Protein backbone atom coordinates (compact mmCIF):
# COMPACT_ATOMS: atom_id res chain seq x y z
CA MET A 1 -0.20 -0.07 -0.15
CA LYS A 2 2.77 2.57 0.39
CA ILE A 3 4.72 1.58 -2.05
CA ARG A 4 1.19 2.56 -4.40
CA LEU A 5 1.45 5.83 -2.47
CA LEU A 6 4.95 6.70 -3.17
CA LEU A 7 4.14 5.72 -6.27
CA ALA A 8 1.24 7.30 -7.22
CA LEU A 9 3.61 10.79 -5.23
CA ALA A 10 6.18 10.82 -7.94
CA GLY A 11 4.44 10.30 -10.12
CA LEU A 12 2.34 13.76 -9.76
CA VAL A 13 6.08 15.19 -8.86
CA ILE A 14 7.49 14.92 -12.47
CA GLY A 15 3.91 15.18 -14.12
CA PHE A 16 3.97 18.92 -12.42
CA ALA A 17 7.41 19.10 -13.07
CA LEU A 18 7.84 18.05 -16.65
CA PRO A 19 5.85 21.41 -18.23
CA ALA A 20 7.36 24.16 -15.83
CA THR A 21 10.80 23.19 -16.64
CA ALA A 22 9.57 22.72 -20.82
CA LEU A 23 8.66 26.59 -20.86
CA GLU A 24 11.93 27.36 -19.00
CA GLY A 25 13.28 26.81 -22.69
CA ASN A 26 11.45 29.19 -24.86
CA LEU A 27 11.00 32.01 -22.34
CA ALA A 28 13.50 34.52 -24.38
CA GLY A 29 11.41 33.56 -27.78
CA ASP A 30 8.10 34.92 -25.60
CA VAL A 31 9.65 37.91 -24.58
CA LYS A 32 11.17 38.76 -28.11
CA ALA A 33 7.42 37.52 -28.96
CA LEU A 34 5.84 39.91 -26.62
CA ASP A 35 7.80 43.10 -27.47
CA GLU A 36 7.05 42.58 -31.39
CA PHE A 37 3.53 42.41 -30.70
CA GLY A 38 3.75 45.54 -27.94
CA ALA A 39 5.76 47.67 -30.47
CA PHE A 40 2.86 46.36 -33.31
CA GLY A 41 0.25 47.59 -31.03
CA LYS A 42 1.67 50.80 -30.78
CA LYS A 43 2.49 51.26 -34.58
CA TYR A 44 -1.29 50.64 -35.29
CA ASP A 45 -2.32 52.86 -32.84
CA GLU A 46 -1.00 55.49 -33.94
CA ALA A 47 -1.94 54.96 -37.48
CA TYR A 48 -5.46 54.98 -36.36
CA ASN A 49 -5.41 58.13 -33.85
CA GLN A 50 -3.98 59.77 -37.69
CA SER A 51 -6.74 57.84 -39.34
CA ASP A 52 -3.30 57.00 -41.68
CA ALA A 53 -5.31 54.37 -43.96
CA ALA A 54 -2.78 53.53 -46.14
CA ALA A 55 0.16 53.49 -42.67
CA LEU A 56 -2.49 51.14 -40.91
CA ALA A 57 -2.66 48.89 -44.02
CA ALA A 58 1.56 48.43 -44.63
CA LEU A 59 1.19 46.88 -41.35
CA PHE A 60 -0.45 44.11 -42.95
CA THR A 61 0.22 41.11 -45.27
CA GLU A 62 -0.95 40.44 -48.61
CA ASP A 63 -2.83 36.78 -47.02
CA ALA A 64 -3.31 38.63 -43.71
CA VAL A 65 -6.54 37.94 -41.89
CA LEU A 66 -8.26 40.43 -38.89
CA VAL A 67 -10.70 39.23 -36.57
CA THR A 68 -13.22 41.53 -34.50
CA PRO A 69 -16.14 41.49 -33.20
CA GLU A 70 -17.74 42.71 -36.17
CA GLY A 71 -16.14 39.84 -38.60
CA LEU A 72 -12.89 38.83 -40.57
CA PHE A 73 -11.31 41.26 -42.91
CA SER A 74 -8.14 39.74 -45.03
CA GLY A 75 -5.64 41.30 -47.36
CA ARG A 76 -4.08 44.95 -46.55
């Protein structure tokens, strides 16, 4: 009985530890992606507030898809 409990606890510890260690390796990439997304948001806000449609369109690629509560928008 004690061995089963010990094995169950060991399994739980390993089960919770593996996902946590898997995340540690990608933190640098996540921080970079968050910084890039923040910079995109600032550019988007500036262009939107200045009513600059050309600057807004330049932020997107030809095959872009924008999802909003109003619907889907594709392309530039």
